[in-house]
N, C-alpha and C. Protein backbone atom coordinates (compact mmCIF):
# COMPACT_ATOMS: atom_id res chain seq x y z
N MET A 1 -35.63 91.08 -2.23
CA MET A 1 -34.82 90.74 -3.09
C MET A 1 -33.49 90.49 -2.87
N SER A 2 -32.95 89.32 -3.19
CA SER A 2 -31.61 88.97 -2.56
C SER A 2 -30.66 89.65 -3.85
N PRO A 3 -29.38 89.74 -3.25
CA PRO A 3 -28.31 90.25 -3.99
C PRO A 3 -27.87 89.55 -5.29
N SER A 4 -27.61 90.13 -6.33
CA SER A 4 -27.25 89.18 -7.47
C SER A 4 -26.18 88.37 -7.40
N ILE A 5 -25.78 87.41 -8.10
CA ILE A 5 -24.62 86.47 -8.19
C ILE A 5 -23.45 87.48 -8.10
N PRO A 6 -23.23 88.34 -9.11
CA PRO A 6 -21.97 89.17 -9.42
C PRO A 6 -21.76 89.92 -8.13
N THR A 7 -22.69 90.30 -7.58
CA THR A 7 -22.65 91.10 -6.32
C THR A 7 -22.01 90.28 -5.04
N GLN A 8 -22.62 89.11 -4.95
CA GLN A 8 -22.23 88.13 -3.95
C GLN A 8 -20.66 87.74 -4.31
N VAL A 9 -20.35 87.45 -5.48
CA VAL A 9 -19.06 86.81 -5.78
C VAL A 9 -18.09 88.17 -5.44
N SER A 10 -18.33 89.39 -5.90
CA SER A 10 -17.44 90.57 -5.65
C SER A 10 -17.25 90.77 -4.03
N ALA A 11 -18.56 90.56 -3.30
CA ALA A 11 -18.31 90.86 -1.78
C ALA A 11 -17.44 89.51 -1.25
N ALA A 12 -17.52 88.25 -1.82
CA ALA A 12 -16.74 87.38 -1.25
C ALA A 12 -15.32 87.54 -1.69
N ILE A 13 -14.98 87.99 -2.97
CA ILE A 13 -13.73 88.33 -3.36
C ILE A 13 -13.07 89.24 -2.35
N PHE A 14 -13.81 90.36 -2.32
CA PHE A 14 -13.27 91.50 -1.34
C PHE A 14 -12.97 90.93 0.19
N LEU A 15 -13.87 90.17 0.68
CA LEU A 15 -13.62 89.66 2.11
C LEU A 15 -12.48 88.82 2.11
N ALA A 16 -12.19 88.09 0.98
CA ALA A 16 -11.17 87.20 1.01
C ALA A 16 -9.85 87.85 0.94
N ILE A 17 -9.76 89.11 0.21
CA ILE A 17 -8.49 89.82 -0.01
C ILE A 17 -8.23 90.78 0.89
N ALA A 18 -9.38 91.32 1.70
CA ALA A 18 -9.11 92.43 2.65
C ALA A 18 -8.24 92.35 3.44
N PRO A 19 -7.85 91.09 4.14
CA PRO A 19 -6.80 91.09 5.16
C PRO A 19 -5.36 91.17 4.42
N ALA A 20 -5.27 90.66 3.26
CA ALA A 20 -3.96 90.91 2.39
C ALA A 20 -3.94 92.34 2.18
N ILE A 21 -4.96 93.13 1.71
CA ILE A 21 -4.81 94.67 1.42
C ILE A 21 -4.27 95.24 2.77
N ALA A 22 -4.97 94.97 3.93
CA ALA A 22 -4.55 95.66 5.12
C ALA A 22 -3.13 95.33 5.54
N PHE A 23 -2.82 94.14 5.29
CA PHE A 23 -1.37 93.83 5.59
C PHE A 23 -0.46 94.36 4.76
N ALA A 24 -0.61 94.59 3.53
CA ALA A 24 0.32 95.24 2.55
C ALA A 24 0.41 96.69 2.91
N GLN A 25 -0.48 97.49 3.56
CA GLN A 25 -0.37 98.77 3.79
C GLN A 25 0.89 99.14 4.90
N PRO A 26 1.68 99.75 4.61
CA PRO A 26 2.83 100.13 5.64
C PRO A 26 2.16 100.66 6.84
N ALA A 27 2.75 100.25 7.93
CA ALA A 27 2.08 100.74 9.27
C ALA A 27 2.91 101.93 9.63
N LYS A 28 2.07 102.94 10.11
CA LYS A 28 2.62 104.27 10.31
C LYS A 28 3.40 103.93 11.85
N SER A 29 4.74 104.09 11.65
CA SER A 29 5.65 103.87 12.72
C SER A 29 5.77 105.04 13.62
N GLU A 30 5.59 104.96 14.98
CA GLU A 30 5.94 106.04 15.88
C GLU A 30 7.16 106.40 15.84
N ILE A 31 7.78 107.67 15.50
CA ILE A 31 8.92 108.09 15.60
C ILE A 31 8.99 108.95 16.84
N PRO A 32 9.98 108.52 17.92
CA PRO A 32 10.13 109.17 18.94
C PRO A 32 10.42 110.84 18.67
N ASP A 33 9.93 111.53 19.71
CA ASP A 33 10.01 113.02 19.52
C ASP A 33 11.64 113.43 19.63
N ALA A 34 12.42 112.67 20.41
CA ALA A 34 13.66 112.94 20.43
C ALA A 34 14.60 112.91 19.18
N ILE A 35 13.98 112.17 18.05
CA ILE A 35 14.52 112.21 16.77
C ILE A 35 14.81 113.61 16.28
N TYR A 36 13.88 114.53 16.61
CA TYR A 36 13.71 115.79 16.11
C TYR A 36 14.68 116.85 16.92
N THR A 37 15.32 116.34 17.94
CA THR A 37 16.03 117.27 18.97
C THR A 37 16.91 118.06 18.08
N PRO A 38 17.71 117.47 17.26
CA PRO A 38 18.84 118.29 16.64
C PRO A 38 18.29 119.29 15.61
N LEU A 39 17.13 119.13 15.03
CA LEU A 39 16.51 120.16 14.21
C LEU A 39 15.96 121.13 15.17
N GLN A 40 15.39 120.99 16.32
CA GLN A 40 15.10 122.01 17.25
C GLN A 40 16.26 122.65 17.66
N MET A 41 17.21 122.21 17.93
CA MET A 41 18.38 122.84 18.37
C MET A 41 19.05 123.73 17.27
N GLU A 42 19.12 123.39 16.05
CA GLU A 42 19.69 124.26 14.90
C GLU A 42 18.71 125.23 14.42
N ALA A 43 17.46 125.45 14.99
CA ALA A 43 16.57 126.40 14.37
C ALA A 43 16.85 127.78 14.95
N GLY A 44 16.59 128.76 14.26
CA GLY A 44 16.95 130.12 14.64
C GLY A 44 17.96 130.84 13.57
N THR A 45 18.44 132.00 13.99
CA THR A 45 19.40 132.73 13.32
C THR A 45 20.74 132.79 14.04
N TRP A 46 21.71 132.28 13.23
CA TRP A 46 23.09 132.22 13.96
C TRP A 46 23.98 133.06 13.05
N ASP A 47 24.92 133.60 13.68
CA ASP A 47 26.16 134.44 13.38
C ASP A 47 27.18 133.38 13.19
N ALA A 48 27.86 133.41 12.06
CA ALA A 48 28.92 132.48 11.74
C ALA A 48 30.42 133.01 11.71
N ASP A 49 31.28 132.44 12.51
CA ASP A 49 32.63 132.94 12.38
C ASP A 49 33.35 131.71 11.55
N ILE A 50 33.82 131.88 10.41
CA ILE A 50 34.41 131.00 9.58
C ILE A 50 35.95 131.04 9.50
N THR A 51 36.53 129.84 9.58
CA THR A 51 37.98 129.68 9.28
C THR A 51 38.08 128.69 8.05
N PHE A 52 38.66 129.16 6.95
CA PHE A 52 38.88 128.26 5.82
C PHE A 52 40.33 127.75 6.11
N TYR A 53 40.40 126.54 5.42
CA TYR A 53 41.71 125.76 5.45
C TYR A 53 42.25 125.47 4.16
N GLU A 54 43.69 125.31 4.10
CA GLU A 54 44.25 124.79 2.79
C GLU A 54 45.30 123.83 3.32
N ASN A 55 45.23 122.71 2.74
CA ASN A 55 46.43 121.76 3.15
C ASN A 55 46.36 121.70 4.87
N ASP A 56 45.22 121.67 5.28
CA ASP A 56 45.24 121.38 6.81
C ASP A 56 45.59 122.55 7.65
N VAL A 57 45.79 123.51 7.14
CA VAL A 57 46.18 124.76 7.75
C VAL A 57 45.20 126.06 7.60
N PRO A 58 44.95 126.76 8.69
CA PRO A 58 43.90 127.91 8.36
C PRO A 58 44.45 128.82 7.40
N ASN A 59 43.82 129.39 6.52
CA ASN A 59 44.25 130.26 5.38
C ASN A 59 43.25 131.43 5.23
N GLY A 60 42.30 131.51 6.08
CA GLY A 60 41.52 132.81 5.70
C GLY A 60 40.33 132.64 6.72
N LYS A 61 39.65 133.89 6.83
CA LYS A 61 38.45 133.92 7.88
C LYS A 61 37.40 134.62 7.13
N GLY A 62 36.17 134.48 7.60
CA GLY A 62 35.02 135.17 7.04
C GLY A 62 33.97 135.17 8.06
N THR A 63 32.88 135.96 7.84
CA THR A 63 31.78 135.97 8.76
C THR A 63 30.54 135.69 7.80
N GLY A 64 29.46 135.26 8.39
CA GLY A 64 28.32 135.13 7.73
C GLY A 64 27.13 134.96 8.50
N VAL A 65 25.92 134.68 7.89
CA VAL A 65 24.64 134.55 8.79
C VAL A 65 23.84 133.20 8.25
N GLN A 66 23.56 132.27 9.00
CA GLN A 66 22.65 131.36 8.76
C GLN A 66 21.33 131.39 9.37
N VAL A 67 20.18 131.27 8.68
CA VAL A 67 19.00 131.43 9.17
C VAL A 67 18.24 129.93 8.94
N ASN A 68 17.89 129.30 9.91
CA ASN A 68 17.26 127.91 9.95
C ASN A 68 15.78 127.99 10.42
N THR A 69 14.98 127.47 9.51
CA THR A 69 13.58 127.52 9.81
C THR A 69 12.97 126.06 9.75
N LEU A 70 12.27 125.77 10.77
CA LEU A 70 11.65 124.52 10.93
C LEU A 70 10.45 124.54 10.14
N LEU A 71 10.04 123.63 9.48
CA LEU A 71 8.64 123.66 8.89
C LEU A 71 7.58 123.38 9.95
N VAL A 72 6.37 123.59 9.59
CA VAL A 72 5.43 123.53 10.64
C VAL A 72 5.30 122.35 11.58
N ASN A 73 5.41 121.16 11.02
CA ASN A 73 5.37 119.98 11.77
C ASN A 73 6.55 119.76 12.65
N GLY A 74 7.72 120.29 12.47
CA GLY A 74 8.97 120.27 13.00
C GLY A 74 9.71 119.18 12.76
N HIS A 75 9.58 118.62 11.57
CA HIS A 75 10.14 117.37 11.14
C HIS A 75 11.26 117.62 10.09
N TRP A 76 11.18 119.01 9.63
CA TRP A 76 12.30 119.28 8.57
C TRP A 76 12.69 120.70 9.00
N ILE A 77 13.86 121.05 8.43
CA ILE A 77 14.37 122.31 8.62
C ILE A 77 14.96 122.76 7.37
N VAL A 78 14.75 124.06 7.00
CA VAL A 78 15.37 124.60 5.88
C VAL A 78 16.64 125.71 6.35
N ASN A 79 17.86 125.42 5.75
CA ASN A 79 18.92 126.23 6.06
C ASN A 79 19.15 127.28 4.94
N GLU A 80 19.43 128.55 5.42
CA GLU A 80 19.78 129.65 4.22
C GLU A 80 21.12 130.04 4.74
N PHE A 81 22.13 130.20 4.13
CA PHE A 81 23.43 130.58 4.74
C PHE A 81 24.12 131.40 3.71
N LYS A 82 24.67 132.62 4.29
CA LYS A 82 25.16 133.79 3.41
C LYS A 82 26.46 134.25 3.91
N ILE A 83 27.45 134.28 3.11
CA ILE A 83 28.78 134.91 3.56
C ILE A 83 29.14 136.07 2.41
N PRO A 84 29.22 137.33 2.92
CA PRO A 84 29.48 138.29 1.98
C PRO A 84 30.99 138.11 1.46
N ALA A 85 31.20 138.66 0.15
CA ALA A 85 32.48 138.77 -0.34
C ALA A 85 33.72 139.34 0.55
N THR A 86 34.81 138.91 0.30
CA THR A 86 35.80 139.54 1.07
C THR A 86 36.97 139.77 -0.07
N ASP A 87 38.04 140.35 0.35
CA ASP A 87 39.11 140.53 -0.68
C ASP A 87 39.77 139.29 -1.06
N LYS A 88 39.53 138.32 -0.27
CA LYS A 88 40.16 137.01 -0.70
C LYS A 88 39.12 135.95 -1.16
N PHE A 89 37.87 136.17 -0.87
CA PHE A 89 36.97 134.89 -1.32
C PHE A 89 35.61 135.84 -1.89
N PRO A 90 34.89 135.18 -2.72
CA PRO A 90 33.74 135.68 -3.46
C PRO A 90 32.68 135.54 -2.39
N ALA A 91 31.49 136.10 -2.56
CA ALA A 91 30.34 135.90 -1.98
C ALA A 91 29.91 134.40 -2.10
N TYR A 92 29.28 134.11 -0.94
CA TYR A 92 28.80 132.53 -1.03
C TYR A 92 27.33 132.56 -0.43
N GLU A 93 26.71 131.59 -0.90
CA GLU A 93 25.08 131.35 -0.66
C GLU A 93 24.98 129.86 -0.73
N GLY A 94 24.25 129.46 0.35
CA GLY A 94 23.89 127.95 0.23
C GLY A 94 22.45 127.70 0.86
N HIS A 95 21.83 126.70 0.26
CA HIS A 95 20.52 126.47 0.72
C HIS A 95 20.42 124.96 0.96
N GLY A 96 19.73 124.44 2.07
CA GLY A 96 19.55 123.06 2.33
C GLY A 96 18.33 122.71 3.03
N ALA A 97 17.81 121.56 3.02
CA ALA A 97 16.77 121.20 3.70
C ALA A 97 17.15 119.82 4.31
N TRP A 98 16.87 119.47 5.62
CA TRP A 98 17.24 118.23 6.24
C TRP A 98 16.29 117.67 7.25
N GLY A 99 16.31 116.51 7.49
CA GLY A 99 15.39 116.00 8.64
C GLY A 99 15.47 114.57 8.72
N TYR A 100 14.62 113.92 9.45
CA TYR A 100 14.86 112.42 9.70
C TYR A 100 13.73 111.89 8.51
N ASP A 101 14.55 111.03 7.80
CA ASP A 101 13.63 110.39 6.75
C ASP A 101 13.09 109.15 7.22
N PRO A 102 11.95 108.90 7.57
CA PRO A 102 11.21 107.70 8.11
C PRO A 102 11.34 106.52 7.22
N VAL A 103 11.40 106.69 6.09
CA VAL A 103 11.68 105.71 5.09
C VAL A 103 13.05 105.22 5.05
N ALA A 104 14.11 105.94 4.90
CA ALA A 104 15.68 105.58 5.13
C ALA A 104 15.96 105.25 6.39
N LYS A 105 15.24 105.65 7.44
CA LYS A 105 15.57 105.32 8.67
C LYS A 105 16.89 106.22 9.14
N THR A 106 17.16 107.36 8.76
CA THR A 106 18.29 108.13 8.92
C THR A 106 18.10 109.64 8.78
N TYR A 107 18.94 110.58 8.90
CA TYR A 107 18.76 111.86 8.68
C TYR A 107 19.37 111.95 7.52
N VAL A 108 18.66 112.96 6.51
CA VAL A 108 19.26 113.11 5.25
C VAL A 108 19.11 114.46 4.93
N ASP A 109 19.93 115.23 4.32
CA ASP A 109 20.24 116.46 3.97
C ASP A 109 20.51 116.70 2.45
N THR A 110 19.70 117.63 1.98
CA THR A 110 20.04 117.91 0.58
C THR A 110 20.67 119.46 0.58
N TRP A 111 21.83 119.76 -0.16
CA TRP A 111 22.57 120.92 -0.05
C TRP A 111 22.78 121.55 -1.63
N ILE A 112 22.69 122.76 -1.56
CA ILE A 112 23.28 123.41 -2.98
C ILE A 112 23.76 124.60 -2.55
N ASP A 113 24.78 124.96 -3.30
CA ASP A 113 25.35 126.26 -3.03
C ASP A 113 26.21 126.75 -4.09
N THR A 114 26.77 127.86 -3.99
CA THR A 114 27.49 128.56 -5.09
C THR A 114 28.88 127.86 -5.23
N ASN A 115 29.32 127.11 -4.61
CA ASN A 115 30.62 126.30 -4.79
C ASN A 115 30.45 124.98 -5.30
N ASP A 116 29.41 124.32 -5.21
CA ASP A 116 29.34 122.92 -5.60
C ASP A 116 29.00 122.94 -7.14
N LEU A 117 29.59 121.74 -7.64
CA LEU A 117 29.31 121.43 -9.05
C LEU A 117 27.96 120.72 -9.35
N ALA A 118 27.42 120.18 -8.04
CA ALA A 118 26.33 119.41 -8.18
C ALA A 118 25.57 119.49 -6.81
N VAL A 119 24.29 118.88 -6.73
CA VAL A 119 23.53 118.84 -5.39
C VAL A 119 24.44 117.87 -4.86
N ARG A 120 24.46 118.20 -3.42
CA ARG A 120 25.08 117.19 -2.45
C ARG A 120 23.85 116.77 -1.54
N THR A 121 24.05 115.38 -1.42
CA THR A 121 23.08 114.69 -0.30
C THR A 121 23.92 114.18 0.65
N ASP A 122 23.60 114.46 1.91
CA ASP A 122 24.36 114.04 3.02
C ASP A 122 23.44 112.94 3.86
N TYR A 123 24.06 111.96 4.40
CA TYR A 123 23.38 111.15 5.44
C TYR A 123 24.15 111.07 6.74
N GLY A 124 23.21 111.17 7.63
CA GLY A 124 23.84 111.39 9.04
C GLY A 124 23.13 110.58 10.17
N TYR A 125 23.77 110.89 11.39
CA TYR A 125 23.17 110.21 12.54
C TYR A 125 23.50 111.12 13.72
N TRP A 126 22.64 111.00 14.61
CA TRP A 126 22.70 111.94 15.78
C TRP A 126 23.30 111.12 17.06
N ASN A 127 24.48 111.80 17.51
CA ASN A 127 25.11 110.97 18.61
C ASN A 127 24.70 111.86 19.99
N ALA A 128 23.52 111.52 20.38
CA ALA A 128 22.84 112.21 21.46
C ALA A 128 23.79 112.22 22.72
N PRO A 129 24.46 111.28 23.10
CA PRO A 129 25.37 111.71 24.30
C PRO A 129 26.29 112.82 24.17
N GLU A 130 26.83 113.01 22.89
CA GLU A 130 27.71 113.97 22.65
C GLU A 130 27.23 115.14 22.09
N ASN A 131 25.82 115.35 21.79
CA ASN A 131 25.28 116.39 21.14
C ASN A 131 25.78 116.67 19.81
N THR A 132 26.15 115.64 19.09
CA THR A 132 26.79 115.84 17.71
C THR A 132 26.14 115.16 16.53
N MET A 133 25.86 115.85 15.48
CA MET A 133 25.43 115.40 14.25
C MET A 133 26.67 114.98 13.35
N ILE A 134 26.55 113.88 12.84
CA ILE A 134 27.62 113.15 12.12
C ILE A 134 27.12 113.08 10.62
N TRP A 135 27.75 113.65 9.55
CA TRP A 135 27.19 113.64 8.30
C TRP A 135 28.36 113.00 7.33
N SER A 136 27.83 112.22 6.30
CA SER A 136 28.68 111.71 5.24
C SER A 136 28.03 111.98 3.92
N SER A 137 28.83 112.20 2.99
CA SER A 137 28.48 112.24 1.44
C SER A 137 29.65 112.07 0.59
N LYS A 138 29.22 111.70 -0.65
CA LYS A 138 29.99 111.31 -1.75
C LYS A 138 29.52 112.24 -2.73
N GLN A 139 30.45 113.00 -3.62
CA GLN A 139 30.20 113.87 -4.51
C GLN A 139 31.23 113.99 -5.74
N SER A 140 30.55 113.96 -6.79
CA SER A 140 31.58 113.99 -8.08
C SER A 140 32.40 115.33 -8.09
N ASP A 141 33.57 115.24 -8.38
CA ASP A 141 34.44 116.56 -8.51
C ASP A 141 34.40 116.94 -10.06
N GLY A 142 33.52 116.38 -10.98
CA GLY A 142 33.40 116.89 -12.15
C GLY A 142 34.62 116.27 -13.21
N GLN A 143 35.63 115.42 -12.38
CA GLN A 143 36.67 115.03 -13.27
C GLN A 143 36.74 113.66 -13.28
N GLY A 144 35.71 113.05 -12.89
CA GLY A 144 35.68 111.50 -12.88
C GLY A 144 36.08 110.80 -11.67
N HIS A 145 35.96 111.56 -10.58
CA HIS A 145 36.24 111.22 -9.09
C HIS A 145 35.20 111.36 -8.45
N PHE A 146 34.92 110.45 -7.46
CA PHE A 146 33.75 110.71 -6.19
C PHE A 146 34.69 110.83 -5.21
N VAL A 147 34.36 112.12 -4.53
CA VAL A 147 34.91 112.60 -3.28
C VAL A 147 34.22 112.47 -2.05
N ASP A 148 34.73 111.85 -0.92
CA ASP A 148 34.11 111.56 0.19
C ASP A 148 34.17 112.71 1.14
N TYR A 149 33.08 113.14 1.85
CA TYR A 149 33.31 114.28 2.75
C TYR A 149 32.62 113.73 4.03
N ARG A 150 33.03 114.32 5.11
CA ARG A 150 32.57 114.00 6.36
C ARG A 150 32.21 115.46 7.11
N MET A 151 31.18 115.55 7.84
CA MET A 151 30.97 116.82 8.64
C MET A 151 30.52 116.35 9.79
N THR A 152 30.98 117.13 10.96
CA THR A 152 30.35 117.06 12.35
C THR A 152 29.93 118.40 12.69
N GLU A 153 28.83 118.40 13.52
CA GLU A 153 28.28 119.57 13.94
C GLU A 153 27.91 119.33 15.55
N GLU A 154 28.74 119.97 16.25
CA GLU A 154 28.68 119.94 17.66
C GLU A 154 27.79 121.04 18.35
N PHE A 155 26.88 120.52 19.07
CA PHE A 155 25.90 121.62 19.83
C PHE A 155 26.33 121.86 21.30
N LYS A 156 26.53 122.96 21.47
CA LYS A 156 27.07 123.50 22.87
C LYS A 156 26.21 124.62 23.33
N GLY A 157 24.83 124.45 23.50
CA GLY A 157 23.96 125.45 23.93
C GLY A 157 23.72 126.43 22.81
N ASP A 158 24.07 127.83 22.93
CA ASP A 158 23.84 128.74 22.02
C ASP A 158 25.10 128.88 20.85
N VAL A 159 25.93 127.70 20.91
CA VAL A 159 27.15 127.79 20.22
C VAL A 159 26.99 126.29 19.48
N ARG A 160 27.47 126.23 18.28
CA ARG A 160 27.59 125.05 17.49
C ARG A 160 28.69 125.24 16.66
N ILE A 161 29.47 124.09 16.50
CA ILE A 161 30.75 124.13 15.73
C ILE A 161 30.59 123.00 14.82
N PHE A 162 30.67 123.48 13.28
CA PHE A 162 30.22 122.78 12.24
C PHE A 162 31.89 122.61 11.50
N THR A 163 32.30 121.38 11.53
CA THR A 163 33.65 121.18 10.84
C THR A 163 33.26 120.37 9.48
N PHE A 164 33.92 120.85 8.47
CA PHE A 164 33.78 120.18 7.02
C PHE A 164 35.08 119.50 6.63
N TYR A 165 35.21 118.19 6.53
CA TYR A 165 36.30 117.35 6.05
C TYR A 165 36.12 116.71 4.63
N GLN A 166 37.18 116.90 3.93
CA GLN A 166 37.44 115.94 2.64
C GLN A 166 38.19 114.80 3.17
N ILE A 167 37.78 113.56 2.70
CA ILE A 167 38.44 112.40 2.91
C ILE A 167 39.37 112.19 1.75
N GLY A 168 40.65 112.06 1.95
CA GLY A 168 41.67 111.91 0.90
C GLY A 168 41.32 110.80 -0.11
N LEU A 169 41.64 110.97 -1.26
CA LEU A 169 41.43 109.99 -2.34
C LEU A 169 42.39 108.75 -2.26
N ALA A 170 43.81 108.96 -2.29
CA ALA A 170 44.58 108.00 -2.12
C ALA A 170 44.83 107.51 -0.64
N LYS A 171 44.79 108.33 0.23
CA LYS A 171 44.60 107.61 1.64
C LYS A 171 43.35 108.26 2.35
N PRO A 172 42.68 107.54 2.91
CA PRO A 172 41.38 107.99 3.47
C PRO A 172 41.67 108.67 4.85
N ASN A 173 42.47 109.73 4.78
CA ASN A 173 42.60 110.66 6.06
C ASN A 173 41.69 111.93 5.64
N PRO A 174 41.21 112.31 7.03
CA PRO A 174 40.40 113.48 6.93
C PRO A 174 41.24 114.86 6.68
N HIS A 175 40.92 115.75 5.77
CA HIS A 175 41.57 116.97 5.66
C HIS A 175 40.59 118.03 5.94
N THR A 176 40.67 118.98 6.89
CA THR A 176 39.90 119.98 7.31
C THR A 176 39.64 120.97 6.22
N LEU A 177 38.49 121.28 5.78
CA LEU A 177 38.35 122.35 4.81
C LEU A 177 37.77 123.67 5.24
N LEU A 178 36.93 123.56 6.19
CA LEU A 178 36.46 124.69 6.99
C LEU A 178 35.90 124.40 8.23
N LYS A 179 35.92 125.26 9.14
CA LYS A 179 35.29 125.24 10.63
C LYS A 179 34.53 126.46 10.85
N ILE A 180 33.16 126.32 11.31
CA ILE A 180 32.48 127.40 11.48
C ILE A 180 31.86 127.38 12.84
N VAL A 181 32.29 128.42 13.50
CA VAL A 181 31.55 128.41 14.96
C VAL A 181 30.43 129.38 14.84
N PHE A 182 29.18 128.70 15.07
CA PHE A 182 28.03 129.41 14.86
C PHE A 182 27.60 130.08 16.25
N THR A 183 27.08 131.25 16.49
CA THR A 183 26.45 131.76 17.73
C THR A 183 25.04 132.14 17.52
N LYS A 184 24.23 131.60 18.46
CA LYS A 184 22.72 131.80 18.12
C LYS A 184 22.32 133.18 18.60
N ARG A 185 21.72 133.95 17.76
CA ARG A 185 21.08 135.13 18.10
C ARG A 185 19.99 135.06 19.21
N LYS A 186 19.91 136.19 20.08
CA LYS A 186 18.91 136.11 21.06
C LYS A 186 17.78 136.59 20.29
N GLY A 187 16.64 136.12 20.73
CA GLY A 187 15.45 136.62 19.92
C GLY A 187 14.15 136.29 20.22
């Protein structure tokens, strides 16, 4: 028995559009393993020596601990950072997740903490020759202004130096808000 006319038409239509369907599917690009190097370098438990700044001058110190856990595939990392209260500053807690976003083709970080008025999303790039992550973000200050921030994270073996800058509203000069020297725990 031969196939019915509707079956033959359906098969012909499928064969005609199959190449278009295959073409429309996004190809899985191969992401080089080196893309995940900064995540691997950041994994682990780190003791933090923090210097706070006001008007570009150090005005306080603190200590804390950051625990960074890679997801099973090694493509994303979860950060948990805690600083106990001092006589000058309240306790601080922050949580983030970051990695290389293959759709945006850049590193993306989402951060929430006890200081921010809103979720902060950072976009970054890895400067491999200098072992440095450079991040940029824009966040509302809750008063109708969007404030630009820049962060650098220099990796030096078991030490990394994270510096957080606010870019001036009137003049785009960087103003240091804090510097953290992280030392990786042996483990």
